[in-house]
C-alpha atoms as a PDB file:
ATOM      1  CA  MET A   1      19.914-178.432 183.993  1.00  0.00           C
ATOM      2  CA  ALA A   2      22.753-180.482 185.617  1.00  0.00           C
ATOM      3  CA  ARG A   3      25.188-183.005 183.266  1.00  0.00           C
ATOM      4  CA  GLY A   4      25.395-185.562 185.687  1.00  0.00           C
ATOM      5  CA  PHE A   5      23.833-188.656 186.462  1.00  0.00           C
ATOM      6  CA  PRO A   6      22.113-187.710 189.695  1.00  0.00           C
ATOM      7  CA  GLN A   7      20.538-189.691 191.595  1.00  0.00           C
ATOM      8  CA  ASN A   8      16.958-188.521 190.830  1.00  0.00           C
ATOM      9  CA  ALA A   9      17.625-188.952 186.858  1.00  0.00           C
ATOM     10  CA  ARG A  10      18.284-193.242 187.318  1.00  0.00           C
ATOM     11  CA  LEU A  11      15.121-195.677 188.036  1.00  0.00           C
ATOM     12  CA  LYS A  12      16.671-197.782 190.837  1.00  0.00           C
ATOM     13  CA  THR A  13      13.751-200.102 192.013  1.00  0.00           C
ATOM     14  CA  ALA A  14      11.788-203.312 190.213  1.00  0.00           C
ATOM     15  CA  PRO A  15       8.781-202.575 190.487  1.00  0.00           C
ATOM     16  CA  GLU A  16       9.972-198.790 188.645  1.00  0.00           C
ATOM     17  CA  PHE A  17      11.294-200.775 185.477  1.00  0.00           C
ATOM     18  CA  GLN A  18       8.918-203.099 185.620  1.00  0.00           C
ATOM     19  CA  LYS A  19       5.851-200.519 185.060  1.00  0.00           C
ATOM     20  CA  VAL A  20       8.258-198.872 182.130  1.00  0.00           C
ATOM     21  CA  PHE A  21       8.098-202.212 180.325  1.00  0.00           C
ATOM     22  CA  ASN A  22       4.637-202.606 181.248  1.00  0.00           C
ATOM     23  CA  GLU A  23       3.027-199.652 179.731  1.00  0.00           C
ATOM     24  CA  GLY A  24       5.551-197.946 177.557  1.00  0.00           C
ATOM     25  CA  ARG A  25       6.160-197.727 174.188  1.00  0.00           C
ATOM     26  CA  LYS A  26       9.024-199.899 173.043  1.00  0.00           C
ATOM     27  CA  VAL A  27      11.533-198.751 170.099  1.00  0.00           C
ATOM     28  CA  VAL A  28      13.956-201.307 168.613  1.00  0.00           C
ATOM     29  CA  GLY A  29      17.275-200.227 167.091  1.00  0.00           C
ATOM     30  CA  ARG A  30      19.952-203.117 165.856  1.00  0.00           C
ATOM     31  CA  TYR A  31      22.010-202.407 169.049  1.00  0.00           C
ATOM     32  CA  PHE A  32      19.706-201.929 171.540  1.00  0.00           C
ATOM     33  CA  VAL A  33      15.150-201.864 172.643  1.00  0.00           C
ATOM     34  CA  VAL A  34      14.164-198.779 174.273  1.00  0.00           C
ATOM     35  CA  PHE A  35      11.070-198.581 176.229  1.00  0.00           C
ATOM     36  CA  ALA A  36      10.067-195.091 176.537  1.00  0.00           C
ATOM     37  CA  ARG A  37       7.048-194.433 179.929  1.00  0.00           C
ATOM     38  CA  PRO A  38       5.654-190.741 180.379  1.00  0.00           C
ATOM     39  CA  ARG A  39       5.144-189.115 183.441  1.00  0.00           C
ATOM     40  CA  SER A  40       5.158-186.408 185.291  1.00  0.00           C
ATOM     41  CA  PRO A  41       6.525-183.400 184.066  1.00  0.00           C
ATOM     42  CA  GLY A  42      10.282-183.350 184.921  1.00  0.00           C
ATOM     43  CA  ARG A  43      13.831-184.758 184.821  1.00  0.00           C
ATOM     44  CA  ALA A  44      13.976-187.713 182.368  1.00  0.00           C
ATOM     45  CA  ARG A  45      14.972-190.742 184.627  1.00  0.00           C
ATOM     46  CA  LEU A  46      17.026-193.404 183.021  1.00  0.00           C
ATOM     47  CA  GLY A  47      16.971-197.542 183.924  1.00  0.00           C
ATOM     48  CA  LEU A  48      19.611-199.527 182.213  1.00  0.00           C
ATOM     49  CA  ALA A  49      19.818-203.610 181.618  1.00  0.00           C
ATOM     50  CA  VAL A  50      22.869-205.461 180.283  1.00  0.00           C
ATOM     51  CA  GLY A  51      22.975-208.698 179.915  1.00  0.00           C
ATOM     52  CA  ARG A  52      25.197-211.000 180.455  1.00  0.00           C
ATOM     53  CA  ARG A  53      25.377-212.440 176.953  1.00  0.00           C
ATOM     54  CA  VAL A  54      27.044-209.095 175.924  1.00  0.00           C
ATOM     55  CA  GLY A  55      30.314-209.613 176.373  1.00  0.00           C
ATOM     56  CA  ASN A  56      32.494-209.694 180.402  1.00  0.00           C
ATOM     57  CA  ALA A  57      31.895-207.393 182.948  1.00  0.00           C
ATOM     58  CA  VAL A  58      34.581-204.646 181.119  1.00  0.00           C
ATOM     59  CA  ARG A  59      32.562-204.742 177.999  1.00  0.00           C
ATOM     60  CA  ARG A  60      29.541-204.543 179.827  1.00  0.00           C
ATOM     61  CA  ASN A  61      30.649-201.432 181.613  1.00  0.00           C
ATOM     62  CA  PHE A  62      31.606-200.301 178.523  1.00  0.00           C
ATOM     63  CA  LEU A  63      28.061-199.969 177.065  1.00  0.00           C
ATOM     64  CA  LYS A  64      26.726-198.785 180.209  1.00  0.00           C
ATOM     65  CA  ARG A  65      29.063-195.963 180.580  1.00  0.00           C
ATOM     66  CA  LEU A  66      28.004-195.379 176.585  1.00  0.00           C
ATOM     67  CA  ILE A  67      24.028-195.470 177.122  1.00  0.00           C
ATOM     68  CA  ARG A  68      24.729-192.427 180.008  1.00  0.00           C
ATOM     69  CA  GLU A  69      27.082-190.425 177.795  1.00  0.00           C
ATOM     70  CA  SER A  70      24.320-190.770 175.203  1.00  0.00           C
ATOM     71  CA  PHE A  71      21.563-190.554 177.791  1.00  0.00           C
ATOM     72  CA  ARG A  72      23.698-187.712 179.323  1.00  0.00           C
ATOM     73  CA  ASN A  73      23.072-185.686 175.763  1.00  0.00           C
ATOM     74  CA  GLN A  74      19.719-185.516 175.132  1.00  0.00           C
ATOM     75  CA  GLN A  75      17.985-185.940 178.628  1.00  0.00           C
ATOM     76  CA  ASP A  76      17.418-182.080 178.427  1.00  0.00           C
ATOM     77  CA  SER A  77      14.814-182.829 175.156  1.00  0.00           C
ATOM     78  CA  LEU A  78      13.476-185.978 176.838  1.00  0.00           C
ATOM     79  CA  ASP A  79      11.675-184.246 180.528  1.00  0.00           C
ATOM     80  CA  GLY A  80       9.367-186.171 181.705  1.00  0.00           C
ATOM     81  CA  MET A  81       9.965-189.277 180.512  1.00  0.00           C
ATOM     82  CA  ASP A  82      11.247-192.608 182.338  1.00  0.00           C
ATOM     83  CA  LEU A  83      13.300-194.605 179.952  1.00  0.00           C
ATOM     84  CA  VAL A  84      14.640-198.231 180.216  1.00  0.00           C
ATOM     85  CA  VAL A  85      17.608-199.518 177.665  1.00  0.00           C
ATOM     86  CA  VAL A  86      18.356-202.465 176.751  1.00  0.00           C
ATOM     87  CA  THR A  87      21.027-204.193 174.945  1.00  0.00           C
ATOM     88  CA  ARG A  88      20.682-206.706 172.995  1.00  0.00           C
ATOM     89  CA  GLY A  89      23.797-208.728 171.593  1.00  0.00           C
ATOM     90  CA  SER A  90      24.467-207.548 169.141  1.00  0.00           C
ATOM     91  CA  ALA A  91      26.150-205.341 170.856  1.00  0.00           C
ATOM     92  CA  ALA A  92      28.746-207.156 171.823  1.00  0.00           C
ATOM     93  CA  LYS A  93      31.543-206.781 169.555  1.00  0.00           C
ATOM     94  CA  THR A  94      30.276-203.168 167.985  1.00  0.00           C
ATOM     95  CA  GLN A  95      32.700-200.003 168.063  1.00  0.00           C
ATOM     96  CA  ARG A  96      31.700-197.058 169.451  1.00  0.00           C
ATOM     97  CA  ALA A  97      30.216-195.033 166.907  1.00  0.00           C
ATOM     98  CA  PRO A  98      27.655-197.706 165.436  1.00  0.00           C
ATOM     99  CA  LEU A  99      26.275-197.533 169.077  1.00  0.00           C
ATOM    100  CA  PHE A 100      25.867-193.903 169.810  1.00  0.00           C
ATOM    101  CA  ARG A 101      23.691-193.405 166.193  1.00  0.00           C
ATOM    102  CA  ASP A 102      21.657-196.355 167.102  1.00  0.00           C
ATOM    103  CA  LEU A 103      20.934-194.607 170.438  1.00  0.00           C
ATOM    104  CA  ALA A 104      20.276-191.171 169.084  1.00  0.00           C
ATOM    105  CA  GLN A 105      17.889-192.961 166.341  1.00  0.00           C
ATOM    106  CA  CYS A 106      16.614-194.311 169.233  1.00  0.00           C
ATOM    107  CA  TRP A 107      15.729-190.858 171.571  1.00  0.00           C
ATOM    108  CA  GLY A 108      15.054-189.146 168.434  1.00  0.00           C
ATOM    109  CA  ARG A 109      11.636-192.293 168.037  1.00  0.00           C
ATOM    110  CA  ILE A 110      11.374-191.390 171.663  1.00  0.00           C
ATOM    111  CA  ARG A 111      10.701-187.572 170.964  1.00  0.00           C
ATOM    112  CA  ARG A 112       8.686-187.752 167.462  1.00  0.00           C
ATOM    113  CA  GLY A 113       5.874-189.941 169.585  1.00  0.00           C
END
């Protein structure tokens, strides 16, 4: 499977996000909240919700890149899922390694059901 983050691997519209929020299950980590909704088999899709409370534009973009990288590493095992990652305020001043660990734990909990 391709390793990028193409258009068909993204949630883009408000109704797509709302469907995941309303029908998905929630996994809460220390720095992230991940909503996951199963859909028909196919490539996993990701949506991001990174609010201003986690920092300035540079910090928010850093967090978005980090989430996308973690998703790319795990997306083969998340096939058939729509996912929305919401960044918690506690991620604002946290280093890269703990953020990656927290996301990896969230992905694992989603896979286990």
